[in-house]
All heavy atoms as atom14 arrays in JSON, in Angstrom:
{
  "sequence": "IGVLGRLYGLTSDQLTGADVVLASGERLSVDENHDADLFWALRGGGGG",
  "atom14_mask": [
    [1, 1, 1, 1, 1, 1, 1, 1, 0, 0, 0, 0, 0, 0],
    [1, 1, 1, 1, 0, 0, 0, 0, 0, 0, 0, 0, 0, 0],
    [1, 1, 1, 1, 1, 1, 1, 0, 0, 0, 0, 0, 0, 0],
    [1, 1, 1, 1, 1, 1, 1, 1, 0, 0, 0, 0, 0, 0],
    [1, 1, 1, 1, 0, 0, 0, 0, 0, 0, 0, 0, 0, 0],
    [1, 1, 1, 1, 1, 1, 1, 1, 1, 1, 1, 0, 0, 0],
    [1, 1, 1, 1, 1, 1, 1, 1, 0, 0, 0, 0, 0, 0],
    [1, 1, 1, 1, 1, 1, 1, 1, 1, 1, 1, 1, 0, 0],
    [1, 1, 1, 1, 0, 0, 0, 0, 0, 0, 0, 0, 0, 0],
    [1, 1, 1, 1, 1, 1, 1, 1, 0, 0, 0, 0, 0, 0],
    [1, 1, 1, 1, 1, 1, 1, 0, 0, 0, 0, 0, 0, 0],
    [1, 1, 1, 1, 1, 1, 0, 0, 0, 0, 0, 0, 0, 0],
    [1, 1, 1, 1, 1, 1, 1, 1, 0, 0, 0, 0, 0, 0],
    [1, 1, 1, 1, 1, 1, 1, 1, 1, 0, 0, 0, 0, 0],
    [1, 1, 1, 1, 1, 1, 1, 1, 0, 0, 0, 0, 0, 0],
    [1, 1, 1, 1, 1, 1, 1, 0, 0, 0, 0, 0, 0, 0],
    [1, 1, 1, 1, 0, 0, 0, 0, 0, 0, 0, 0, 0, 0],
    [1, 1, 1, 1, 1, 0, 0, 0, 0, 0, 0, 0, 0, 0],
    [1, 1, 1, 1, 1, 1, 1, 1, 0, 0, 0, 0, 0, 0],
    [1, 1, 1, 1, 1, 1, 1, 0, 0, 0, 0, 0, 0, 0],
    [1, 1, 1, 1, 1, 1, 1, 0, 0, 0, 0, 0, 0, 0],
    [1, 1, 1, 1, 1, 1, 1, 1, 0, 0, 0, 0, 0, 0],
    [1, 1, 1, 1, 1, 0, 0, 0, 0, 0, 0, 0, 0, 0],
    [1, 1, 1, 1, 1, 1, 0, 0, 0, 0, 0, 0, 0, 0],
    [1, 1, 1, 1, 0, 0, 0, 0, 0, 0, 0, 0, 0, 0],
    [1, 1, 1, 1, 1, 1, 1, 1, 1, 0, 0, 0, 0, 0],
    [1, 1, 1, 1, 1, 1, 1, 1, 1, 1, 1, 0, 0, 0],
    [1, 1, 1, 1, 1, 1, 1, 1, 0, 0, 0, 0, 0, 0],
    [1, 1, 1, 1, 1, 1, 0, 0, 0, 0, 0, 0, 0, 0],
    [1, 1, 1, 1, 1, 1, 1, 0, 0, 0, 0, 0, 0, 0],
    [1, 1, 1, 1, 1, 1, 1, 1, 0, 0, 0, 0, 0, 0],
    [1, 1, 1, 1, 1, 1, 1, 1, 1, 0, 0, 0, 0, 0],
    [1, 1, 1, 1, 1, 1, 1, 1, 0, 0, 0, 0, 0, 0],
    [1, 1, 1, 1, 1, 1, 1, 1, 1, 1, 0, 0, 0, 0],
    [1, 1, 1, 1, 1, 1, 1, 1, 0, 0, 0, 0, 0, 0],
    [1, 1, 1, 1, 1, 0, 0, 0, 0, 0, 0, 0, 0, 0],
    [1, 1, 1, 1, 1, 1, 1, 1, 0, 0, 0, 0, 0, 0],
    [1, 1, 1, 1, 1, 1, 1, 1, 0, 0, 0, 0, 0, 0],
    [1, 1, 1, 1, 1, 1, 1, 1, 1, 1, 1, 0, 0, 0],
    [1, 1, 1, 1, 1, 1, 1, 1, 1, 1, 1, 1, 1, 1],
    [1, 1, 1, 1, 1, 0, 0, 0, 0, 0, 0, 0, 0, 0],
    [1, 1, 1, 1, 1, 1, 1, 1, 0, 0, 0, 0, 0, 0],
    [1, 1, 1, 1, 1, 1, 1, 1, 1, 1, 1, 0, 0, 0],
    [1, 1, 1, 1, 0, 0, 0, 0, 0, 0, 0, 0, 0, 0],
    [1, 1, 1, 1, 0, 0, 0, 0, 0, 0, 0, 0, 0, 0],
    [1, 1, 1, 1, 0, 0, 0, 0, 0, 0, 0, 0, 0, 0],
    [1, 1, 1, 1, 0, 0, 0, 0, 0, 0, 0, 0, 0, 0],
    [1, 1, 1, 1, 0, 0, 0, 0, 0, 0, 0, 0, 0, 0]
  ],
  "atom14_positions": [
    [[35.93, 35.83, 11.48], [35.82, 37.11, 12.2], [34.47, 37.65, 11.9], [33.78, 37.32, 10.94], [36.84, 38.17, 11.81], [36.89, 38.53, 10.38], [38.26, 37.64, 12.24], [37.68, 39.68, 10.01], [0.0, 0.0, 0.0], [0.0, 0.0, 0.0], [0.0, 0.0, 0.0], [0.0, 0.0, 0.0], [0.0, 0.0, 0.0], [0.0, 0.0, 0.0]],
    [[33.95, 38.45, 12.78], [32.59, 39.1, 12.54], [32.32, 40.06, 13.75], [33.05, 40.34, 14.54], [0.0, 0.0, 0.0], [0.0, 0.0, 0.0], [0.0, 0.0, 0.0], [0.0, 0.0, 0.0], [0.0, 0.0, 0.0], [0.0, 0.0, 0.0], [0.0, 0.0, 0.0], [0.0, 0.0, 0.0], [0.0, 0.0, 0.0], [0.0, 0.0, 0.0]],
    [[31.05, 40.55, 13.73], [30.64, 41.72, 14.53], [30.5, 41.26, 16.01], [30.52, 42.16, 16.9], [29.38, 42.32, 14.09], [29.47, 42.94, 12.68], [28.19, 41.39, 14.2], [0.0, 0.0, 0.0], [0.0, 0.0, 0.0], [0.0, 0.0, 0.0], [0.0, 0.0, 0.0], [0.0, 0.0, 0.0], [0.0, 0.0, 0.0], [0.0, 0.0, 0.0]],
    [[30.48, 40.0, 16.29], [30.34, 39.55, 17.73], [31.65, 38.81, 18.1], [31.67, 38.12, 19.19], [29.21, 38.6, 17.9], [27.81, 39.21, 17.62], [26.76, 38.13, 17.91], [27.57, 40.39, 18.56], [0.0, 0.0, 0.0], [0.0, 0.0, 0.0], [0.0, 0.0, 0.0], [0.0, 0.0, 0.0], [0.0, 0.0, 0.0], [0.0, 0.0, 0.0]],
    [[32.7, 38.91, 17.32], [33.96, 38.27, 17.57], [34.62, 38.63, 18.81], [35.23, 37.81, 19.58], [0.0, 0.0, 0.0], [0.0, 0.0, 0.0], [0.0, 0.0, 0.0], [0.0, 0.0, 0.0], [0.0, 0.0, 0.0], [0.0, 0.0, 0.0], [0.0, 0.0, 0.0], [0.0, 0.0, 0.0], [0.0, 0.0, 0.0], [0.0, 0.0, 0.0]],
    [[34.59, 39.98, 19.25], [35.17, 40.42, 20.43], [34.53, 39.91, 21.64], [35.15, 39.7, 22.68], [35.17, 41.9, 20.47], [36.17, 42.67, 19.51], [36.09, 44.12, 19.61], [36.1, 44.62, 20.89], [37.12, 44.77, 21.67], [38.37, 44.48, 21.19], [36.99, 45.21, 23.0], [0.0, 0.0, 0.0], [0.0, 0.0, 0.0], [0.0, 0.0, 0.0]],
    [[33.24, 39.58, 21.48], [32.47, 39.04, 22.61], [32.6, 37.58, 22.72], [32.8, 37.02, 23.98], [31.04, 39.45, 22.45], [30.05, 38.98, 23.56], [30.44, 39.59, 24.95], [28.58, 39.42, 23.19], [0.0, 0.0, 0.0], [0.0, 0.0, 0.0], [0.0, 0.0, 0.0], [0.0, 0.0, 0.0], [0.0, 0.0, 0.0], [0.0, 0.0, 0.0]],
    [[32.53, 36.83, 21.63], [32.44, 35.33, 21.66], [33.66, 34.64, 21.11], [33.74, 33.45, 21.24], [31.12, 34.84, 21.03], [29.8, 35.26, 21.6], [28.88, 35.83, 20.83], [29.64, 35.1, 22.99], [27.62, 36.19, 21.4], [28.46, 35.52, 23.56], [27.41, 36.07, 22.73], [26.29, 36.44, 23.37], [0.0, 0.0, 0.0], [0.0, 0.0, 0.0]],
    [[34.49, 35.43, 20.46], [35.63, 34.8, 19.7], [35.33, 34.52, 18.19], [34.25, 34.93, 17.69], [0.0, 0.0, 0.0], [0.0, 0.0, 0.0], [0.0, 0.0, 0.0], [0.0, 0.0, 0.0], [0.0, 0.0, 0.0], [0.0, 0.0, 0.0], [0.0, 0.0, 0.0], [0.0, 0.0, 0.0], [0.0, 0.0, 0.0], [0.0, 0.0, 0.0]],
    [[36.26, 33.87, 17.61], [36.03, 33.48, 16.19], [34.87, 32.52, 16.09], [34.48, 31.8, 17.05], [37.32, 32.93, 15.64], [38.58, 33.76, 15.76], [39.75, 32.87, 15.43], [38.54, 34.93, 14.82], [0.0, 0.0, 0.0], [0.0, 0.0, 0.0], [0.0, 0.0, 0.0], [0.0, 0.0, 0.0], [0.0, 0.0, 0.0], [0.0, 0.0, 0.0]],
    [[34.31, 32.37, 14.84], [33.35, 31.32, 14.57], [33.94, 29.95, 15.02], [33.35, 29.12, 15.59], [32.9, 31.33, 13.18], [32.53, 32.66, 12.81], [31.82, 30.38, 12.97], [0.0, 0.0, 0.0], [0.0, 0.0, 0.0], [0.0, 0.0, 0.0], [0.0, 0.0, 0.0], [0.0, 0.0, 0.0], [0.0, 0.0, 0.0], [0.0, 0.0, 0.0]],
    [[35.24, 29.81, 14.59], [35.9, 28.44, 14.8], [36.2, 28.28, 16.34], [36.3, 27.06, 16.79], [37.24, 28.36, 13.99], [38.04, 29.45, 14.36], [0.0, 0.0, 0.0], [0.0, 0.0, 0.0], [0.0, 0.0, 0.0], [0.0, 0.0, 0.0], [0.0, 0.0, 0.0], [0.0, 0.0, 0.0], [0.0, 0.0, 0.0], [0.0, 0.0, 0.0]],
    [[36.24, 29.27, 17.1], [36.38, 29.11, 18.6], [35.09, 28.52, 19.2], [35.21, 27.94, 20.26], [36.64, 30.42, 19.19], [37.98, 31.02, 18.92], [38.91, 30.29, 18.43], [38.25, 32.33, 19.01], [0.0, 0.0, 0.0], [0.0, 0.0, 0.0], [0.0, 0.0, 0.0], [0.0, 0.0, 0.0], [0.0, 0.0, 0.0], [0.0, 0.0, 0.0]],
    [[33.98, 28.61, 18.58], [32.76, 28.02, 19.07], [32.52, 26.68, 18.62], [31.57, 26.04, 19.04], [31.63, 29.01, 18.68], [31.73, 30.47, 19.14], [31.04, 31.51, 18.29], [29.85, 31.76, 18.57], [31.61, 31.96, 17.32], [0.0, 0.0, 0.0], [0.0, 0.0, 0.0], [0.0, 0.0, 0.0], [0.0, 0.0, 0.0], [0.0, 0.0, 0.0]],
    [[33.37, 26.13, 17.67], [33.19, 24.82, 17.11], [33.48, 23.81, 18.22], [34.55, 23.82, 18.83], [34.17, 24.65, 15.96], [33.98, 23.43, 15.11], [32.61, 23.43, 14.34], [35.09, 23.28, 14.06], [0.0, 0.0, 0.0], [0.0, 0.0, 0.0], [0.0, 0.0, 0.0], [0.0, 0.0, 0.0], [0.0, 0.0, 0.0], [0.0, 0.0, 0.0]],
    [[32.61, 22.81, 18.36], [32.84, 21.74, 19.29], [33.08, 20.36, 18.63], [33.43, 19.42, 19.3], [31.66, 21.59, 20.31], [30.49, 21.21, 19.59], [31.4, 22.87, 21.04], [0.0, 0.0, 0.0], [0.0, 0.0, 0.0], [0.0, 0.0, 0.0], [0.0, 0.0, 0.0], [0.0, 0.0, 0.0], [0.0, 0.0, 0.0], [0.0, 0.0, 0.0]],
    [[32.76, 20.27, 17.33], [32.96, 19.06, 16.66], [32.54, 19.19, 15.19], [31.93, 20.15, 14.7], [0.0, 0.0, 0.0], [0.0, 0.0, 0.0], [0.0, 0.0, 0.0], [0.0, 0.0, 0.0], [0.0, 0.0, 0.0], [0.0, 0.0, 0.0], [0.0, 0.0, 0.0], [0.0, 0.0, 0.0], [0.0, 0.0, 0.0], [0.0, 0.0, 0.0]],
    [[32.88, 18.21, 14.41], [32.55, 18.28, 12.98], [32.56, 16.83, 12.26], [33.27, 15.95, 12.83], [33.57, 19.14, 12.27], [0.0, 0.0, 0.0], [0.0, 0.0, 0.0], [0.0, 0.0, 0.0], [0.0, 0.0, 0.0], [0.0, 0.0, 0.0], [0.0, 0.0, 0.0], [0.0, 0.0, 0.0], [0.0, 0.0, 0.0], [0.0, 0.0, 0.0]],
    [[31.79, 16.69, 11.28], [31.81, 15.47, 10.44], [32.54, 15.79, 9.18], [32.28, 16.82, 8.47], [30.37, 15.12, 10.1], [29.6, 14.68, 11.34], [30.22, 14.33, 12.37], [28.4, 14.63, 11.33], [0.0, 0.0, 0.0], [0.0, 0.0, 0.0], [0.0, 0.0, 0.0], [0.0, 0.0, 0.0], [0.0, 0.0, 0.0], [0.0, 0.0, 0.0]],
    [[33.63, 14.99, 8.86], [34.49, 15.28, 7.8], [34.67, 14.08, 6.82], [34.69, 12.94, 7.33], [35.9, 15.63, 8.3], [36.86, 16.13, 7.29], [35.81, 16.59, 9.56], [0.0, 0.0, 0.0], [0.0, 0.0, 0.0], [0.0, 0.0, 0.0], [0.0, 0.0, 0.0], [0.0, 0.0, 0.0], [0.0, 0.0, 0.0], [0.0, 0.0, 0.0]],
    [[34.78, 14.36, 5.59], [35.13, 13.39, 4.54], [36.53, 13.6, 4.27], [36.94, 14.7, 3.77], [34.27, 13.39, 3.29], [34.71, 12.48, 2.34], [32.84, 13.15, 3.7], [0.0, 0.0, 0.0], [0.0, 0.0, 0.0], [0.0, 0.0, 0.0], [0.0, 0.0, 0.0], [0.0, 0.0, 0.0], [0.0, 0.0, 0.0], [0.0, 0.0, 0.0]],
    [[37.36, 12.54, 4.43], [38.85, 12.62, 4.07], [39.17, 12.47, 2.64], [38.24, 12.03, 1.89], [39.58, 11.73, 4.96], [39.47, 11.81, 6.46], [40.38, 10.72, 7.09], [39.78, 13.16, 6.95], [0.0, 0.0, 0.0], [0.0, 0.0, 0.0], [0.0, 0.0, 0.0], [0.0, 0.0, 0.0], [0.0, 0.0, 0.0], [0.0, 0.0, 0.0]],
    [[40.34, 12.72, 2.23], [40.71, 12.5, 0.83], [40.65, 11.1, 0.49], [40.59, 10.77, -0.71], [42.17, 13.06, 0.63], [0.0, 0.0, 0.0], [0.0, 0.0, 0.0], [0.0, 0.0, 0.0], [0.0, 0.0, 0.0], [0.0, 0.0, 0.0], [0.0, 0.0, 0.0], [0.0, 0.0, 0.0], [0.0, 0.0, 0.0], [0.0, 0.0, 0.0]],
    [[40.72, 10.17, 1.39], [40.51, 8.75, 1.15], [39.1, 8.32, 0.84], [38.84, 7.27, 0.42], [41.07, 7.95, 2.3], [40.27, 8.2, 3.53], [0.0, 0.0, 0.0], [0.0, 0.0, 0.0], [0.0, 0.0, 0.0], [0.0, 0.0, 0.0], [0.0, 0.0, 0.0], [0.0, 0.0, 0.0], [0.0, 0.0, 0.0], [0.0, 0.0, 0.0]],
    [[38.14, 9.18, 1.24], [36.75, 8.95, 1.15], [36.23, 8.45, 2.5], [35.02, 8.24, 2.66], [0.0, 0.0, 0.0], [0.0, 0.0, 0.0], [0.0, 0.0, 0.0], [0.0, 0.0, 0.0], [0.0, 0.0, 0.0], [0.0, 0.0, 0.0], [0.0, 0.0, 0.0], [0.0, 0.0, 0.0], [0.0, 0.0, 0.0], [0.0, 0.0, 0.0]],
    [[37.05, 8.27, 3.51], [36.69, 7.88, 4.88], [35.94, 9.06, 5.47], [36.17, 10.19, 5.29], [37.93, 7.51, 5.68], [37.62, 7.02, 7.09], [38.86, 6.73, 7.93], [39.98, 7.01, 7.36], [38.82, 6.5, 9.05], [0.0, 0.0, 0.0], [0.0, 0.0, 0.0], [0.0, 0.0, 0.0], [0.0, 0.0, 0.0], [0.0, 0.0, 0.0]],
    [[34.86, 8.68, 6.31], [34.19, 9.65, 7.03], [34.39, 9.57, 8.55], [34.31, 8.55, 9.13], [32.64, 9.4, 6.78], [32.28, 9.69, 5.26], [31.05, 9.02, 4.76], [29.83, 9.31, 5.61], [28.7, 8.76, 5.42], [28.53, 7.82, 4.45], [27.68, 9.04, 6.16], [0.0, 0.0, 0.0], [0.0, 0.0, 0.0], [0.0, 0.0, 0.0]],
    [[34.68, 10.69, 9.16], [35.04, 10.8, 10.55], [34.16, 11.82, 11.28], [33.8, 12.78, 10.63], [36.52, 11.2, 10.72], [37.71, 10.35, 10.17], [39.02, 10.94, 10.43], [37.56, 8.97, 10.82], [0.0, 0.0, 0.0], [0.0, 0.0, 0.0], [0.0, 0.0, 0.0], [0.0, 0.0, 0.0], [0.0, 0.0, 0.0], [0.0, 0.0, 0.0]],
    [[33.93, 11.59, 12.56], [33.37, 12.54, 13.43], [34.51, 12.92, 14.37], [35.05, 12.16, 15.09], [32.17, 12.01, 14.19], [31.08, 11.88, 13.34], [0.0, 0.0, 0.0], [0.0, 0.0, 0.0], [0.0, 0.0, 0.0], [0.0, 0.0, 0.0], [0.0, 0.0, 0.0], [0.0, 0.0, 0.0], [0.0, 0.0, 0.0], [0.0, 0.0, 0.0]],
    [[34.82, 14.25, 14.33], [36.08, 14.76, 15.14], [35.68, 15.8, 16.21], [34.65, 16.47, 16.06], [37.08, 15.26, 14.26], [37.5, 14.29, 13.19], [36.62, 16.6, 13.55], [0.0, 0.0, 0.0], [0.0, 0.0, 0.0], [0.0, 0.0, 0.0], [0.0, 0.0, 0.0], [0.0, 0.0, 0.0], [0.0, 0.0, 0.0], [0.0, 0.0, 0.0]],
    [[36.4, 15.79, 17.27], [36.3, 16.71, 18.35], [37.62, 16.73, 19.17], [38.54, 16.15, 18.69], [35.03, 16.48, 19.25], [34.98, 15.06, 19.79], [36.12, 14.65, 20.23], [33.84, 14.57, 20.09], [0.0, 0.0, 0.0], [0.0, 0.0, 0.0], [0.0, 0.0, 0.0], [0.0, 0.0, 0.0], [0.0, 0.0, 0.0], [0.0, 0.0, 0.0]],
    [[37.47, 17.31, 20.34], [38.8, 17.43, 21.07], [39.23, 16.16, 21.6], [40.48, 15.96, 21.86], [38.56, 18.36, 22.27], [38.39, 19.86, 21.97], [38.23, 20.63, 23.26], [37.77, 20.09, 24.31], [38.51, 21.94, 23.16], [0.0, 0.0, 0.0], [0.0, 0.0, 0.0], [0.0, 0.0, 0.0], [0.0, 0.0, 0.0], [0.0, 0.0, 0.0]],
    [[38.42, 15.05, 21.55], [38.79, 13.72, 22.05], [38.9, 12.66, 20.93], [39.26, 11.54, 21.21], [37.81, 13.26, 23.11], [37.81, 14.21, 24.25], [38.83, 14.62, 24.86], [36.55, 14.63, 24.65], [0.0, 0.0, 0.0], [0.0, 0.0, 0.0], [0.0, 0.0, 0.0], [0.0, 0.0, 0.0], [0.0, 0.0, 0.0], [0.0, 0.0, 0.0]],
    [[38.6, 13.02, 19.74], [38.62, 12.2, 18.56], [39.26, 12.79, 17.44], [38.72, 13.74, 16.97], [37.17, 11.67, 18.27], [36.42, 11.01, 19.34], [35.66, 11.8, 20.24], [36.29, 9.67, 19.78], [35.12, 11.04, 21.1], [35.54, 9.77, 20.94], [0.0, 0.0, 0.0], [0.0, 0.0, 0.0], [0.0, 0.0, 0.0], [0.0, 0.0, 0.0]],
    [[40.36, 12.23, 17.02], [41.16, 12.88, 15.97], [41.39, 14.3, 16.23], [41.09, 15.22, 15.49], [40.55, 12.7, 14.53], [40.48, 11.23, 14.07], [41.49, 10.86, 13.51], [39.52, 10.51, 14.35], [0.0, 0.0, 0.0], [0.0, 0.0, 0.0], [0.0, 0.0, 0.0], [0.0, 0.0, 0.0], [0.0, 0.0, 0.0], [0.0, 0.0, 0.0]],
    [[41.95, 14.53, 17.44], [42.12, 15.95, 18.0], [43.0, 16.72, 17.12], [42.71, 18.0, 17.04], [42.69, 15.88, 19.44], [0.0, 0.0, 0.0], [0.0, 0.0, 0.0], [0.0, 0.0, 0.0], [0.0, 0.0, 0.0], [0.0, 0.0, 0.0], [0.0, 0.0, 0.0], [0.0, 0.0, 0.0], [0.0, 0.0, 0.0], [0.0, 0.0, 0.0]],
    [[43.97, 16.21, 16.44], [44.88, 17.02, 15.52], [44.05, 17.49, 14.35], [44.22, 18.75, 13.94], [46.02, 16.21, 15.1], [47.2, 16.23, 16.09], [47.21, 16.99, 16.99], [48.18, 15.33, 15.92], [0.0, 0.0, 0.0], [0.0, 0.0, 0.0], [0.0, 0.0, 0.0], [0.0, 0.0, 0.0], [0.0, 0.0, 0.0], [0.0, 0.0, 0.0]],
    [[43.15, 16.67, 13.82], [42.4, 17.1, 12.72], [41.32, 18.22, 13.14], [41.17, 19.19, 12.51], [41.61, 15.92, 12.05], [40.7, 16.23, 10.95], [41.47, 16.93, 9.83], [40.08, 14.88, 10.44], [0.0, 0.0, 0.0], [0.0, 0.0, 0.0], [0.0, 0.0, 0.0], [0.0, 0.0, 0.0], [0.0, 0.0, 0.0], [0.0, 0.0, 0.0]],
    [[40.81, 17.96, 14.35], [39.92, 19.03, 14.75], [40.59, 20.27, 15.03], [40.0, 21.34, 14.73], [39.25, 18.49, 16.15], [38.27, 19.46, 16.83], [37.16, 19.88, 16.19], [38.6, 19.99, 18.08], [36.34, 20.7, 16.84], [37.73, 20.86, 18.66], [36.61, 21.26, 18.09], [0.0, 0.0, 0.0], [0.0, 0.0, 0.0], [0.0, 0.0, 0.0]],
    [[41.79, 20.23, 15.61], [42.64, 21.48, 15.75], [42.82, 22.15, 14.48], [42.67, 23.44, 14.37], [43.98, 21.06, 16.34], [44.99, 22.19, 16.52], [45.02, 23.11, 17.57], [45.98, 22.58, 15.53], [46.1, 23.97, 17.34], [46.65, 23.67, 16.06], [46.39, 22.17, 14.28], [47.77, 24.29, 15.37], [47.45, 22.7, 13.56], [48.04, 23.78, 14.23]],
    [[43.09, 21.46, 13.39], [43.42, 22.03, 12.01], [42.16, 22.64, 11.45], [42.26, 23.66, 10.74], [43.89, 20.96, 11.12], [0.0, 0.0, 0.0], [0.0, 0.0, 0.0], [0.0, 0.0, 0.0], [0.0, 0.0, 0.0], [0.0, 0.0, 0.0], [0.0, 0.0, 0.0], [0.0, 0.0, 0.0], [0.0, 0.0, 0.0], [0.0, 0.0, 0.0]],
    [[40.91, 22.04, 11.66], [39.71, 22.63, 11.15], [39.33, 23.96, 11.75], [38.54, 24.66, 11.16], [38.59, 21.63, 11.45], [38.67, 20.26, 10.76], [37.45, 19.4, 11.1], [38.72, 20.48, 9.15], [0.0, 0.0, 0.0], [0.0, 0.0, 0.0], [0.0, 0.0, 0.0], [0.0, 0.0, 0.0], [0.0, 0.0, 0.0], [0.0, 0.0, 0.0]],
    [[39.94, 24.33, 12.87], [39.69, 25.61, 13.52], [40.74, 26.59, 13.15], [41.47, 27.1, 13.98], [39.7, 25.38, 15.02], [38.63, 24.28, 15.52], [38.79, 23.99, 16.98], [38.21, 25.06, 17.84], [38.28, 25.18, 19.2], [38.97, 24.19, 19.74], [37.73, 26.05, 19.78], [0.0, 0.0, 0.0], [0.0, 0.0, 0.0], [0.0, 0.0, 0.0]],
    [[40.62, 27.05, 11.96], [41.47, 28.14, 11.39], [42.5, 27.67, 10.41], [43.23, 28.55, 9.95], [0.0, 0.0, 0.0], [0.0, 0.0, 0.0], [0.0, 0.0, 0.0], [0.0, 0.0, 0.0], [0.0, 0.0, 0.0], [0.0, 0.0, 0.0], [0.0, 0.0, 0.0], [0.0, 0.0, 0.0], [0.0, 0.0, 0.0], [0.0, 0.0, 0.0]],
    [[42.56, 26.43, 10.03], [43.68, 25.97, 9.09], [43.31, 26.25, 7.69], [44.09, 25.84, 6.74], [0.0, 0.0, 0.0], [0.0, 0.0, 0.0], [0.0, 0.0, 0.0], [0.0, 0.0, 0.0], [0.0, 0.0, 0.0], [0.0, 0.0, 0.0], [0.0, 0.0, 0.0], [0.0, 0.0, 0.0], [0.0, 0.0, 0.0], [0.0, 0.0, 0.0]],
    [[42.16, 26.9, 7.4], [41.8, 27.22, 5.95], [40.9, 26.1, 5.31], [41.06, 24.99, 5.6], [0.0, 0.0, 0.0], [0.0, 0.0, 0.0], [0.0, 0.0, 0.0], [0.0, 0.0, 0.0], [0.0, 0.0, 0.0], [0.0, 0.0, 0.0], [0.0, 0.0, 0.0], [0.0, 0.0, 0.0], [0.0, 0.0, 0.0], [0.0, 0.0, 0.0]],
    [[40.07, 26.66, 4.46], [39.1, 25.78, 3.82], [39.74, 24.89, 2.74], [40.67, 25.34, 2.13], [0.0, 0.0, 0.0], [0.0, 0.0, 0.0], [0.0, 0.0, 0.0], [0.0, 0.0, 0.0], [0.0, 0.0, 0.0], [0.0, 0.0, 0.0], [0.0, 0.0, 0.0], [0.0, 0.0, 0.0], [0.0, 0.0, 0.0], [0.0, 0.0, 0.0]],
    [[39.33, 23.76, 2.48], [39.71, 22.81, 1.46], [41.05, 22.18, 1.66], [41.64, 21.71, 0.61], [0.0, 0.0, 0.0], [0.0, 0.0, 0.0], [0.0, 0.0, 0.0], [0.0, 0.0, 0.0], [0.0, 0.0, 0.0], [0.0, 0.0, 0.0], [0.0, 0.0, 0.0], [0.0, 0.0, 0.0], [0.0, 0.0, 0.0], [0.0, 0.0, 0.0]]
  ]
}
């Protein structure tokens, strides 16, 4: 949340993709079309 949230949404609402290191050590690039469930979870599922 932040001072421009009412205008543009949450910071996570503006997220289009991410590079992630999994607990296995595997590295993934995720977005709505690649590992979509993980991308969904990164948008508000909490850090760590």
